[in-house]
Amino acid sequence: MLARIYRPAKTAMQSGRAKAQEWLLEFEAGAVAPEALMGWQSTADTNGQVRLTFASREEAIDFARRNAIPHQVVEPREPRRVIRSYSDNFAYRRKEPWSH
């Protein structure tokens, strides 16, 4: 079963990046089938519930190699930052006039 090593994106609910600095190792979910009695999704593979956190990318890769876990590393995409100052709201070069 293939494991995925990645750094999660920051949560949209908060402005901080508290849990977005650690690296995660997650297994791919196995075959999912509806459970007969209640109709819930169920699987016989419990590895899909495993989620390990590491401080760095190298630690996660070393763990996977030590335990002979086939893995795939997904590099994080850095957000494009547009740095603006408050005075840009009133600049003459604005395409549209500032108003409330």
Protein backbone atom coordinates (compact mmCIF):
# COMPACT_ATOMS: atom_id res chain seq x y z
CA MET A 1 0.00 0.00 0.00
CA LEU A 2 1.42 3.35 -1.07
CA ALA A 3 1.98 6.08 1.52
CA ARG A 4 1.87 9.77 0.71
CA ILE A 5 4.24 12.22 2.41
CA TYR A 6 3.17 15.85 2.21
CA ARG A 7 2.89 19.13 4.09
CA PRO A 8 -0.76 20.16 4.45
CA ALA A 9 -2.05 23.57 3.45
CA LYS A 10 -3.01 26.01 6.15
CA THR A 11 -6.56 25.84 7.34
CA ALA A 12 -9.01 28.35 5.90
CA MET A 13 -10.65 28.85 9.29
CA GLN A 14 -7.65 30.53 10.93
CA SER A 15 -5.05 32.99 9.75
CA GLY A 16 -2.14 31.21 11.45
CA ARG A 17 0.05 28.44 10.08
CA ALA A 18 0.31 26.34 13.27
CA LYS A 19 -0.25 22.85 11.88
CA ALA A 20 0.94 23.60 8.36
CA GLN A 21 4.65 23.35 9.21
CA GLU A 22 4.73 19.62 9.96
CA TRP A 23 4.91 16.81 7.41
CA LEU A 24 2.34 14.02 7.29
CA LEU A 25 2.58 10.40 6.22
CA GLU A 26 -0.79 8.96 5.20
CA PHE A 27 -1.70 5.71 3.52
CA GLU A 28 -4.06 5.63 0.57
CA ALA A 29 -7.55 4.46 1.44
CA GLY A 30 -8.37 0.89 0.47
CA ALA A 31 -11.44 -0.33 -1.38
CA VAL A 32 -14.57 1.19 0.15
CA ALA A 33 -17.92 -0.62 0.13
CA PRO A 34 -21.26 0.27 1.72
CA GLU A 35 -21.95 -1.59 4.93
CA ALA A 36 -25.03 -3.84 4.61
CA LEU A 37 -26.97 -2.89 7.74
CA MET A 38 -26.61 0.91 7.95
CA GLY A 39 -25.23 1.77 4.51
CA TRP A 40 -22.15 3.50 5.90
CA GLN A 41 -18.85 3.37 4.04
CA SER A 42 -16.60 0.61 5.37
CA THR A 43 -13.28 -0.96 4.50
CA ALA A 44 -11.29 -3.93 5.76
CA ASP A 45 -8.00 -2.01 5.54
CA THR A 46 -7.24 0.00 8.69
CA ASN A 47 -4.08 1.63 7.26
CA GLY A 48 -6.25 4.38 5.80
CA GLN A 49 -6.81 5.62 9.37
CA VAL A 50 -3.09 5.99 10.12
CA ARG A 51 -1.75 9.54 10.05
CA LEU A 52 1.79 10.14 11.29
CA THR A 53 3.33 13.59 11.78
CA PHE A 54 7.00 14.48 11.42
CA ALA A 55 8.97 17.66 11.99
CA SER A 56 10.75 17.48 8.64
CA ARG A 57 10.48 15.88 5.22
CA GLU A 58 13.67 13.88 5.73
CA GLU A 59 12.37 12.31 8.96
CA ALA A 60 9.23 11.11 7.18
CA ILE A 61 11.22 9.65 4.28
CA ASP A 62 13.65 7.92 6.66
CA PHE A 63 10.75 6.38 8.59
CA ALA A 64 9.18 5.07 5.40
CA ARG A 65 12.47 3.59 4.18
CA ARG A 66 13.29 2.00 7.55
CA ASN A 67 9.91 0.26 7.62
CA ALA A 68 9.94 -0.67 3.90
CA ILE A 69 6.87 1.43 3.15
CA PRO A 70 6.52 2.42 -0.52
CA HIS A 71 6.01 6.17 -0.49
CA GLN A 72 5.46 9.18 -2.70
CA VAL A 73 6.60 12.67 -1.68
CA VAL A 74 4.34 15.56 -2.69
CA GLU A 75 6.17 18.88 -2.61
CA PRO A 76 4.17 21.80 -1.19
CA ARG A 77 3.19 24.69 -3.42
CA GLU A 78 4.12 28.04 -2.00
CA PRO A 79 1.37 30.67 -2.24
CA ARG A 80 1.95 33.64 -4.50
CA ARG A 81 2.35 36.68 -2.27
CA VAL A 82 1.18 40.08 -3.43
CA ILE A 83 2.70 42.61 -1.08
CA ARG A 84 0.75 45.83 -0.87
CA SER A 85 0.72 48.74 1.49
CA TYR A 86 -2.26 50.65 2.82
CA SER A 87 -1.32 53.69 0.75
CA ASP A 88 -1.88 51.66 -2.44
CA ASN A 89 -5.61 52.00 -1.77
CA PHE A 90 -5.36 55.73 -2.53
CA ALA A 91 -2.74 55.67 -5.30
CA TYR A 92 -3.28 57.67 -8.46
CA ARG A 93 -2.39 54.67 -10.61
CA ARG A 94 -5.38 52.64 -9.37
CA LYS A 95 -7.59 51.33 -12.16
CA GLU A 96 -10.77 52.13 -10.28
CA PRO A 97 -11.39 54.95 -7.79
CA TRP A 98 -11.44 54.13 -4.10
CA SER A 99 -14.81 54.37 -2.40
CA HIS A 100 -16.79 52.73 0.37
